[in-house]
């Protein structure tokens, strides 16, 4: 049977430190002491002192094992929160709240000292039962029991594979595009075929063999009712898909057109003749066009920004240019890449953020702040970068590669950690298109196959759903 008097008599024979600790626990309003002995918050020295050495040894062994096995970022965060609870008394009970406001927690922890020079309160001693079998506090136990966020699993196997005979193995072409109406356009040899993702029906849109021509690029407009077809002879045809009819033929280039990009009814085309031409697809072919000159070799990449104000172009001259709607000269020029720049992608989540990828001699994905014209960061992928595409719902992007890995990588931005690595193509993964729902991608290669992968999540982030600026999530 427990007796306070008996405990007092026992403590008379203990060290002065133990007596001081007991006296402070017994009364917060006790008489003043001749000195203050620093004590760690949330640690009960009466019951835990004897196990400190053993715990430290076990902790060092556990930490070593975790490092050897490669602990995840969430495990590291949970371990950090556990240390803050036990050493600094932060009282963290859920890792999820810390992950959302990590910077705030770090700043709060920095303000707290390891030692506090004042009389311990009853809360310091009674937060955890002195005779609990657990070596950690009650809040740390709740922290360890907090539900873990389910990790997103990306299948390493494509959910569909289609044959694509005569799909050219040419780095400078863009032969695959996915429309807003869920129809895939593919240039195969001298023909353009349309594949409906809803019905799996395949139709042939056009055949250029009678002209001795071949398809070098395809691009859908934003509505998905028209598709532009670039050709080896240098002209561009525009087709009405519903009527299966050619509605315009745009001439002006003297060499093959390998890159196309729509901005409303304005179509930009990049050619081996080093020119970028911008034309209104509704106007007759004889109407004057805007000619953008700057590249010294073939233009192989074109992408409009999400706000349709800036056009990014990449060329075989290793240059990346940014153009606006008013000037015939590039407003920004980047020359850090050491090989051809075909892979270009504007972020839909960060205004002015542009990603680009270099060819075999470069192998890097680079990020640019086009608002300040400054480079941000880069990552060496180890192989030729053929395409880039951002997720519509999260800050992730996918890249496809050629020499020598022939792989597909999913990255998280801005940490640039690899989320997944997908393999299956036996040739360079030269073509990439994103589905209209933003969940799947299709990749094409010189192995004459199209492979469909589920790489992105449909669900938007919680922060985006809770935004007060979202007009569709609140009723006013």
Protein backbone atom coordinates (compact mmCIF):
# COMPACT_ATOMS: atom_id res chain seq x y z
CA UNK A 1 0.00 0.00 0.00
CA UNK A 2 1.35 3.40 -1.02
CA UNK A 3 2.10 5.82 1.85
CA UNK A 4 3.30 9.44 1.35
CA UNK A 5 4.95 9.42 4.77
CA UNK A 6 6.92 6.34 3.87
CA UNK A 7 8.10 8.00 0.63
CA UNK A 8 9.26 11.04 2.61
CA UNK A 9 11.29 8.87 4.96
CA UNK A 10 12.88 7.06 2.05
CA UNK A 11 13.80 10.30 0.30
CA UNK A 12 15.68 11.54 3.40
CA UNK A 13 18.43 9.10 2.49
CA UNK A 14 18.45 10.11 -1.19
CA UNK A 15 20.60 12.72 -2.85
CA UNK A 16 19.84 16.44 -2.41
CA UNK A 17 18.80 16.59 -6.06
CA UNK A 18 16.07 13.99 -5.51
CA UNK A 19 14.87 15.79 -2.37
CA UNK A 20 14.64 19.10 -4.23
CA UNK A 21 12.68 17.50 -7.03
CA UNK A 22 10.28 15.91 -4.57
CA UNK A 23 9.81 19.13 -2.64
CA UNK A 24 8.99 21.04 -5.82
CA UNK A 25 6.51 18.39 -6.87
CA UNK A 26 4.86 18.46 -3.45
CA UNK A 27 4.04 22.16 -3.54
CA UNK A 28 4.31 24.86 -6.17
CA UNK A 29 4.06 27.53 -3.51
CA UNK A 30 6.77 26.09 -1.29
CA UNK A 31 9.52 28.17 0.27
CA UNK A 32 12.23 29.64 -1.93
CA UNK A 33 15.27 27.54 -2.73
CA UNK A 34 18.90 28.44 -2.47
CA UNK A 35 19.39 27.52 -6.14
CA UNK A 36 17.47 26.28 -9.21
CA UNK A 37 18.43 23.01 -10.77
CA UNK A 38 17.61 22.87 -14.51
CA UNK A 39 15.19 20.15 -15.46
CA UNK A 40 14.02 18.94 -18.82
CA UNK A 41 10.36 19.49 -19.55
CA UNK A 42 8.13 16.44 -19.79
CA UNK A 43 10.71 14.12 -18.23
CA UNK A 44 10.08 12.40 -14.95
CA UNK A 45 13.58 11.93 -13.56
CA UNK A 46 12.31 9.93 -10.56
CA UNK A 47 11.28 7.02 -12.74
CA UNK A 48 13.24 7.50 -15.96
CA UNK A 49 16.73 8.39 -14.77
CA UNK A 50 17.89 4.81 -14.44
CA UNK A 51 16.89 3.96 -18.00
CA UNK A 52 18.45 6.95 -19.77
CA UNK A 53 21.74 5.26 -20.67
CA UNK A 54 20.03 2.16 -21.93
CA UNK A 55 17.50 4.20 -23.91
CA UNK A 56 20.23 6.22 -25.58
CA UNK A 57 22.04 3.06 -26.63
CA UNK A 58 18.85 1.61 -28.04
CA UNK A 59 18.06 4.89 -29.79
CA UNK A 60 21.45 5.03 -31.48
CA UNK A 61 21.10 1.43 -32.64
CA UNK A 62 17.58 2.07 -33.90
CA UNK A 63 18.67 5.23 -35.71
CA UNK A 64 21.50 3.36 -37.40
CA UNK A 65 19.16 0.63 -38.55
CA UNK A 66 16.71 3.20 -39.88
CA UNK A 67 19.44 4.95 -41.82
CA UNK A 68 20.69 1.69 -43.21
CA UNK A 69 17.19 0.79 -44.39
CA UNK A 70 16.49 4.28 -45.75
CA UNK A 71 13.70 5.78 -43.69
CA UNK A 72 10.96 7.68 -45.44
CA UNK A 73 10.30 11.38 -45.11
CA UNK A 74 7.21 10.78 -42.99
CA UNK A 75 9.08 8.49 -40.62
CA UNK A 76 11.72 11.17 -40.21
CA UNK A 77 9.05 13.76 -39.45
CA UNK A 78 7.37 11.49 -36.88
CA UNK A 79 10.72 10.80 -35.22
CA UNK A 80 11.46 14.54 -35.10
CA UNK A 81 8.08 15.22 -33.50
CA UNK A 82 8.71 12.50 -30.95
CA UNK A 83 12.03 14.08 -29.95
CA UNK A 84 10.40 17.49 -29.65
CA UNK A 85 7.75 16.05 -27.36
CA UNK A 86 10.21 14.28 -25.09
CA UNK A 87 12.99 16.90 -24.98
CA UNK A 88 11.21 20.20 -25.56
CA UNK A 89 7.70 19.47 -24.42
CA UNK A 90 5.97 20.62 -27.60
CA UNK A 91 2.92 18.45 -27.03
CA UNK A 92 2.54 17.36 -30.67
CA UNK A 93 -0.23 14.79 -31.01
CA UNK A 94 -0.68 14.38 -34.78
CA UNK A 95 1.93 14.25 -37.55
CA UNK A 96 -0.57 15.50 -40.12
CA UNK A 97 -0.94 18.90 -38.46
CA UNK A 98 2.83 19.20 -38.27
CA UNK A 99 3.21 18.38 -41.96
CA UNK A 100 0.75 21.14 -42.88
CA UNK A 101 2.41 23.77 -40.71
CA UNK A 102 5.92 22.46 -40.39
CA UNK A 103 7.62 25.82 -40.59
CA UNK A 104 5.46 27.19 -37.81
CA UNK A 105 6.27 24.28 -35.52
CA UNK A 106 9.98 24.61 -36.21
CA UNK A 107 9.94 28.29 -35.38
CA UNK A 108 8.03 27.62 -32.17
CA UNK A 109 10.47 24.90 -31.18
CA UNK A 110 13.42 27.19 -31.76
CA UNK A 111 12.08 29.62 -29.17
CA UNK A 112 12.02 26.97 -26.47
CA UNK A 113 15.19 26.11 -24.63
CA UNK A 114 16.38 22.67 -23.76
CA UNK A 115 16.36 23.61 -20.07
CA UNK A 116 13.96 25.74 -18.10
CA UNK A 117 14.99 27.49 -14.89
CA UNK A 118 11.87 27.53 -12.79
CA UNK A 119 9.99 25.32 -10.42
CA UNK A 120 8.41 22.34 -12.14
CA UNK A 121 4.64 22.41 -12.21
CA UNK A 122 2.35 19.56 -11.41
CA UNK A 123 1.58 19.28 -15.11
CA UNK A 124 5.26 18.48 -15.81
CA UNK A 125 5.14 15.52 -13.43
CA UNK A 126 1.59 14.36 -13.76
CA UNK A 127 1.23 14.48 -17.56
CA UNK A 128 2.21 10.84 -17.52
CA UNK A 129 1.67 8.41 -14.75
CA UNK A 130 5.01 7.88 -12.91
CA UNK A 131 4.43 4.15 -13.00
CA UNK A 132 3.52 3.88 -16.69
CA UNK A 133 5.29 1.12 -18.56
CA UNK A 134 5.70 3.31 -21.66
CA UNK A 135 9.03 5.17 -21.97
CA UNK A 136 7.33 8.14 -23.69
CA UNK A 137 4.74 10.66 -22.59
CA UNK A 138 1.01 10.41 -23.16
CA UNK A 139 1.09 12.92 -26.02
CA UNK A 140 3.91 11.04 -27.69
CA UNK A 141 1.88 7.84 -27.40
CA UNK A 142 -1.02 9.61 -29.10
CA UNK A 143 1.39 10.85 -31.75
CA UNK A 144 2.57 7.31 -32.48
CA UNK A 145 -1.04 6.11 -32.68
CA UNK A 146 -2.07 8.86 -35.10
CA UNK A 147 -3.25 7.43 -38.43
CA UNK A 148 -0.65 7.31 -41.17
CA UNK A 149 -1.52 8.91 -44.50
CA UNK A 150 -2.05 6.26 -47.14
CA UNK A 151 0.77 6.29 -49.67
CA UNK A 152 -0.24 6.59 -53.31
CA UNK A 153 0.76 3.55 -55.31
CA UNK A 154 1.58 3.97 -58.98
CA UNK A 155 1.23 0.84 -61.09
CA UNK A 156 4.43 -0.14 -62.89
CA UNK A 157 2.40 -1.83 -65.60
CA UNK A 158 0.50 0.07 -68.31
CA UNK A 159 -3.27 -0.47 -68.20
CA UNK A 160 -3.47 -0.51 -72.01
CA UNK A 161 -1.05 -1.11 -74.88
CA UNK A 162 -1.87 -0.27 -78.50
CA UNK A 163 0.06 -1.11 -81.63
CA UNK A 164 1.30 1.93 -83.57
CA UNK A 165 2.92 0.74 -86.80
CA UNK A 166 5.13 3.28 -88.56
CA UNK A 167 5.44 5.50 -85.48
CA UNK A 168 8.69 7.25 -86.32
CA UNK A 169 11.74 7.11 -84.06
CA UNK A 170 12.64 10.80 -84.54
CA UNK A 171 13.47 13.00 -81.54
CA UNK A 172 12.39 16.23 -83.28
CA UNK A 173 8.80 15.22 -84.09
CA UNK A 174 5.61 15.48 -82.03
CA UNK A 175 3.22 12.81 -83.26
CA UNK A 176 0.84 12.20 -80.31
CA UNK A 177 -1.75 14.51 -78.72
CA UNK A 178 -4.85 13.94 -76.51
CA UNK A 179 -7.89 16.18 -76.95
CA UNK A 180 -10.29 17.68 -74.42
CA UNK A 181 -12.96 15.37 -75.85
CA UNK A 182 -10.90 12.29 -74.92
CA UNK A 183 -9.73 11.47 -78.44
CA UNK A 184 -6.12 10.57 -79.18
CA UNK A 185 -4.52 11.78 -82.43
CA UNK A 186 -1.49 9.84 -83.69
CA UNK A 187 0.62 10.43 -86.75
CA UNK A 188 1.69 7.13 -88.31
CA UNK A 189 3.75 7.45 -91.46
CA UNK A 190 1.66 9.45 -93.93
CA UNK A 191 -1.64 9.07 -92.02
CA UNK A 192 -3.28 10.56 -88.95
CA UNK A 193 -5.45 8.22 -86.90
CA UNK A 194 -7.96 9.10 -84.18
CA UNK A 195 -8.58 6.73 -81.27
CA UNK A 196 -11.52 7.35 -78.96
CA UNK A 197 -10.73 6.55 -75.33
CA UNK A 198 -14.48 6.20 -74.66
CA UNK A 199 -15.37 3.71 -77.38
CA UNK A 200 -11.91 2.45 -78.44
CA UNK A 201 -12.96 3.18 -82.02
CA UNK A 202 -10.20 3.99 -84.52
CA UNK A 203 -10.75 6.22 -87.55
CA UNK A 204 -8.36 7.53 -90.18
CA UNK A 205 -8.47 11.31 -90.46
CA UNK A 206 -6.19 11.90 -93.46
CA UNK A 207 -3.70 10.23 -95.76
CA UNK A 208 -0.83 12.24 -97.28
CA UNK A 209 0.68 9.40 -99.29
CA UNK A 210 -0.80 10.70 -102.55
CA UNK A 211 1.32 13.82 -102.12
CA UNK A 212 4.43 11.83 -101.23
CA UNK A 213 4.27 13.48 -97.82
CA UNK A 214 4.46 12.33 -94.20
CA UNK A 215 3.11 13.56 -90.85
CA UNK A 216 5.62 15.32 -88.60
CA UNK A 217 3.38 16.80 -85.87
CA UNK A 218 -0.20 16.84 -84.58
CA UNK A 219 -1.94 19.19 -82.15
CA UNK A 220 -5.53 19.61 -80.91
CA UNK A 221 -7.13 22.98 -80.29
CA UNK A 222 -8.43 23.74 -76.81
CA UNK A 223 -12.02 22.73 -77.55
CA UNK A 224 -10.97 19.44 -79.11
CA UNK A 225 -12.99 19.84 -82.31
CA UNK A 226 -10.07 20.68 -84.62
CA UNK A 227 -6.68 19.11 -85.11
CA UNK A 228 -3.68 20.63 -86.88
CA UNK A 229 -1.33 18.41 -88.85
CA UNK A 230 2.26 19.44 -89.62
CA UNK A 231 3.88 17.85 -92.64
CA UNK A 232 7.32 17.01 -93.99
CA UNK A 233 6.81 19.38 -96.95
CA UNK A 234 6.36 22.36 -94.63
CA UNK A 235 2.65 23.14 -94.81
CA UNK A 236 0.07 22.71 -92.05
CA UNK A 237 -3.47 21.44 -92.56
CA UNK A 238 -6.34 22.09 -90.14
CA UNK A 239 -9.14 19.51 -89.91
CA UNK A 240 -12.68 19.59 -88.58
CA UNK A 241 -12.93 16.24 -86.81
CA UNK A 242 -16.73 16.02 -86.66
CA UNK A 243 -17.07 16.65 -90.40
CA UNK A 244 -13.86 14.76 -91.23
CA UNK A 245 -12.96 17.64 -93.51
CA UNK A 246 -9.91 19.84 -94.11
CA UNK A 247 -10.87 23.46 -93.39
CA UNK A 248 -7.55 25.25 -93.95
CA UNK A 249 -4.10 24.79 -95.39
CA UNK A 250 -1.34 27.04 -94.04
CA UNK A 251 1.82 27.44 -96.09
CA UNK A 252 4.95 29.47 -95.49
CA UNK A 253 7.52 27.08 -94.04
CA UNK A 254 10.24 25.79 -96.32
CA UNK A 255 10.99 22.63 -94.29
CA UNK A 256 9.21 20.11 -92.10
CA UNK A 257 6.99 21.36 -89.27
CA UNK A 258 7.88 19.38 -86.13
CA UNK A 259 6.14 21.45 -83.42
CA UNK A 260 2.63 22.90 -83.12
CA UNK A 261 0.86 24.80 -80.32
CA UNK A 262 -2.64 26.31 -80.17
CA UNK A 263 -3.59 29.55 -78.40
CA UNK A 264 -7.31 29.92 -79.00
CA UNK A 265 -7.64 30.19 -82.77
CA UNK A 266 -4.00 31.20 -83.20
CA UNK A 267 -1.74 28.34 -84.26
CA UNK A 268 2.02 28.54 -83.71
CA UNK A 269 4.22 26.28 -85.81
CA UNK A 270 7.95 25.57 -85.50
CA UNK A 271 9.98 24.24 -88.40
CA UNK A 272 13.37 22.99 -89.46
CA UNK A 273 13.70 26.29 -91.38
CA UNK A 274 14.30 27.87 -87.89
CA UNK A 275 11.12 29.99 -88.08
CA UNK A 276 8.14 30.14 -85.72
CA UNK A 277 4.97 31.27 -87.50
CA UNK A 278 1.74 32.39 -85.84
CA UNK A 279 -1.46 32.34 -87.88
CA UNK A 280 -5.21 32.56 -87.34
CA UNK A 281 -6.71 29.25 -88.45
CA UNK A 282 -10.03 31.01 -89.29
CA UNK A 283 -8.42 33.35 -91.81
CA UNK A 284 -7.56 32.48 -95.41
CA UNK A 285 -4.08 31.11 -96.03
CA UNK A 286 -3.04 34.31 -97.87
CA UNK A 287 -3.44 36.50 -94.77
CA UNK A 288 -0.09 37.74 -93.41
CA UNK A 289 1.37 35.93 -90.43
CA UNK A 290 3.74 36.77 -87.58
CA UNK A 291 7.24 35.40 -88.08
CA UNK A 292 9.35 34.89 -84.97
CA UNK A 293 13.07 34.60 -85.67
CA UNK A 294 15.68 33.72 -83.09
CA UNK A 295 16.56 30.05 -83.29
CA UNK A 296 19.58 29.10 -85.38
CA UNK A 297 18.56 25.48 -85.88
CA UNK A 298 15.37 23.43 -86.03
CA UNK A 299 12.53 24.38 -83.67
CA UNK A 300 11.40 21.18 -81.95
CA UNK A 301 9.41 22.35 -78.91
CA UNK A 302 6.53 24.84 -78.51
CA UNK A 303 4.24 25.44 -75.50
CA UNK A 304 1.92 28.30 -74.54
CA UNK A 305 1.68 29.35 -70.89
CA UNK A 306 -1.59 28.58 -69.03
CA UNK A 307 -2.66 32.24 -69.25
CA UNK A 308 -1.93 32.24 -73.02
CA UNK A 309 0.36 35.27 -72.68
CA UNK A 310 3.76 33.69 -73.33
CA UNK A 311 5.10 31.13 -75.78
CA UNK A 312 8.13 29.00 -74.88
CA UNK A 313 10.18 27.53 -77.70
CA UNK A 314 13.08 25.09 -77.74
CA UNK A 315 15.45 24.30 -80.56
CA UNK A 316 18.27 22.11 -81.72
CA UNK A 317 20.58 25.09 -81.04
CA UNK A 318 20.27 24.28 -77.29
CA UNK A 319 18.32 27.50 -76.72
CA UNK A 320 15.12 28.09 -74.77
CA UNK A 321 13.23 31.28 -75.68
CA UNK A 322 10.17 32.96 -74.21
CA UNK A 323 8.02 35.17 -76.48
CA UNK A 324 5.07 37.44 -75.75
CA UNK A 325 2.13 38.47 -77.92
CA UNK A 326 3.51 41.87 -78.90
CA UNK A 327 7.17 41.46 -79.85
CA UNK A 328 8.79 39.69 -82.76
CA UNK A 329 11.92 39.07 -80.69
CA UNK A 330 12.22 36.81 -77.65
CA UNK A 331 11.73 38.58 -74.33
CA UNK A 332 13.81 35.98 -72.48
CA UNK A 333 16.61 33.68 -73.54
CA UNK A 334 18.12 30.75 -71.64
CA UNK A 335 21.26 28.98 -72.82
CA UNK A 336 22.18 26.68 -69.92
CA UNK A 337 21.17 23.49 -71.75
CA UNK A 338 23.97 21.63 -73.53
CA UNK A 339 21.75 19.80 -76.03
CA UNK A 340 18.53 20.19 -78.01
CA UNK A 341 15.53 21.44 -76.03
CA UNK A 342 12.36 19.60 -77.02
CA UNK A 343 10.76 18.97 -73.61
CA UNK A 344 8.92 22.09 -72.40
CA UNK A 345 6.13 22.41 -69.81
CA UNK A 346 4.52 25.36 -67.99
CA UNK A 347 3.36 24.73 -64.44
CA UNK A 348 -0.42 25.17 -63.93
CA UNK A 349 0.15 25.69 -60.19
CA UNK A 350 3.00 28.24 -59.99
CA UNK A 351 2.61 31.35 -62.12
CA UNK A 352 5.60 31.86 -64.40
CA UNK A 353 7.26 28.53 -63.60
CA UNK A 354 8.69 26.85 -66.70
CA UNK A 355 10.38 23.44 -66.92
CA UNK A 356 12.60 22.32 -69.79
CA UNK A 357 14.64 19.23 -70.60
CA UNK A 358 17.80 18.74 -72.62
CA UNK A 359 18.89 16.03 -75.02
CA UNK A 360 21.54 13.34 -74.77
CA UNK A 361 24.50 15.64 -74.10
CA UNK A 362 22.61 17.50 -71.36
CA UNK A 363 20.19 15.07 -69.63
CA UNK A 364 18.98 17.76 -67.21
CA UNK A 365 15.53 19.04 -66.29
CA UNK A 366 15.81 22.74 -65.49
CA UNK A 367 13.30 25.08 -63.89
CA UNK A 368 12.97 28.78 -64.64
CA UNK A 369 11.18 31.70 -63.03
CA UNK A 370 10.03 33.60 -66.10
CA UNK A 371 8.71 36.45 -63.94
CA UNK A 372 12.28 37.35 -62.94
CA UNK A 373 14.12 35.57 -65.79
CA UNK A 374 16.15 33.62 -63.23
CA UNK A 375 17.07 29.91 -63.14
CA UNK A 376 15.68 28.06 -60.13
CA UNK A 377 17.04 24.51 -59.88
CA UNK A 378 17.95 21.53 -62.00
CA UNK A 379 18.27 17.77 -61.76
CA UNK A 380 20.44 15.42 -63.81
CA UNK A 381 18.19 12.57 -64.96
CA UNK A 382 20.99 10.45 -66.41
CA UNK A 383 19.39 10.13 -69.86
CA UNK A 384 18.00 12.12 -72.76
CA UNK A 385 14.89 14.14 -71.77
CA UNK A 386 12.25 13.79 -74.50
CA UNK A 387 9.05 15.18 -72.93
CA UNK A 388 7.69 16.90 -69.81
CA UNK A 389 4.14 17.27 -68.50
CA UNK A 390 2.78 18.69 -65.24
CA UNK A 391 -0.04 17.13 -63.26
CA UNK A 392 -3.24 19.16 -63.34
CA UNK A 393 -4.04 18.46 -59.70
CA UNK A 394 -0.75 18.40 -57.79
CA UNK A 395 2.75 19.82 -57.95
CA UNK A 396 4.18 16.81 -59.76
CA UNK A 397 5.49 16.31 -63.25
CA UNK A 398 6.33 13.37 -65.49
CA UNK A 399 9.30 13.09 -67.81
CA UNK A 400 10.03 10.61 -70.59
CA UNK A 401 13.54 9.63 -71.57
CA UNK A 402 15.58 8.23 -74.41
CA UNK A 403 19.25 7.32 -74.49
CA UNK A 404 19.96 5.29 -72.62
CA UNK A 405 17.32 4.41 -70.06
CA UNK A 406 14.09 4.58 -72.14
CA UNK A 407 12.14 5.16 -68.95
CA UNK A 408 9.33 7.30 -67.55
CA UNK A 409 9.89 9.21 -64.30
CA UNK A 410 7.40 10.93 -62.00
CA UNK A 411 8.82 13.80 -59.93
CA UNK A 412 7.57 15.80 -56.97
CA UNK A 413 8.26 19.53 -57.14
CA UNK A 414 10.07 21.38 -55.62
CA UNK A 415 11.88 18.58 -53.74
CA UNK A 416 12.59 16.84 -57.09
CA UNK A 417 12.28 13.43 -55.48
CA UNK A 418 11.31 10.54 -57.72
CA UNK A 419 7.81 9.26 -57.03
CA UNK A 420 7.92 6.43 -59.56
CA UNK A 421 10.00 4.94 -62.35
CA UNK A 422 8.16 3.16 -65.17
CA UNK A 423 9.78 0.95 -67.77
CA UNK A 424 8.42 -1.08 -70.66
CA UNK A 425 9.38 0.67 -73.90
CA UNK A 426 12.35 -0.85 -75.69
CA UNK A 427 13.07 2.34 -77.68
CA UNK A 428 13.30 6.01 -76.77
CA UNK A 429 10.07 7.31 -75.22
CA UNK A 430 9.74 10.19 -77.69
CA UNK A 431 6.04 11.00 -77.37
CA UNK A 432 3.86 11.95 -74.41
CA UNK A 433 0.31 13.22 -73.94
CA UNK A 434 -1.82 13.86 -70.85
CA UNK A 435 -5.44 12.69 -70.58
CA UNK A 436 -8.14 15.38 -70.26
CA UNK A 437 -8.97 14.30 -66.69
CA UNK A 438 -5.30 14.68 -65.74
CA UNK A 439 -4.98 11.17 -64.35
CA UNK A 440 -3.40 9.12 -67.14
CA UNK A 441 -0.68 9.61 -69.70
CA UNK A 442 0.05 7.93 -73.00
CA UNK A 443 3.59 7.38 -74.21
CA UNK A 444 4.85 6.41 -77.64
CA UNK A 445 8.19 5.07 -78.82
CA UNK A 446 10.01 3.75 -81.83
CA UNK A 447 9.07 0.24 -80.73
CA UNK A 448 5.74 1.10 -82.45
CA UNK A 449 3.60 0.86 -79.32
CA UNK A 450 1.45 3.29 -77.34
CA UNK A 451 1.32 2.60 -73.62
CA UNK A 452 -1.21 4.07 -71.20
CA UNK A 453 -0.23 4.64 -67.55
CA UNK A 454 -2.04 5.85 -64.45
CA UNK A 455 0.49 8.19 -62.84
CA UNK A 456 -1.42 11.13 -61.33
CA UNK A 457 -4.20 11.32 -58.75
CA UNK A 458 -7.53 12.89 -59.63
CA UNK A 459 -8.06 14.31 -56.14
CA UNK A 460 -6.97 17.87 -55.65
CA UNK A 461 -5.00 18.82 -52.57
CA UNK A 462 -6.89 19.74 -49.38
CA UNK A 463 -5.37 23.18 -49.36
CA UNK A 464 -6.74 23.87 -52.83
CA UNK A 465 -10.20 22.61 -51.91
CA UNK A 466 -10.31 24.81 -48.83
CA UNK A 467 -9.19 27.96 -50.61
CA UNK A 468 -11.49 30.92 -50.00
CA UNK A 469 -10.71 32.05 -53.54
CA UNK A 470 -12.43 29.01 -55.03
CA UNK A 471 -15.75 30.38 -56.28
CA UNK A 472 -17.19 26.93 -56.85
CA UNK A 473 -16.73 25.54 -53.32
CA UNK A 474 -18.61 28.18 -51.35
CA UNK A 475 -22.09 29.68 -51.47
CA UNK A 476 -22.23 33.38 -50.67
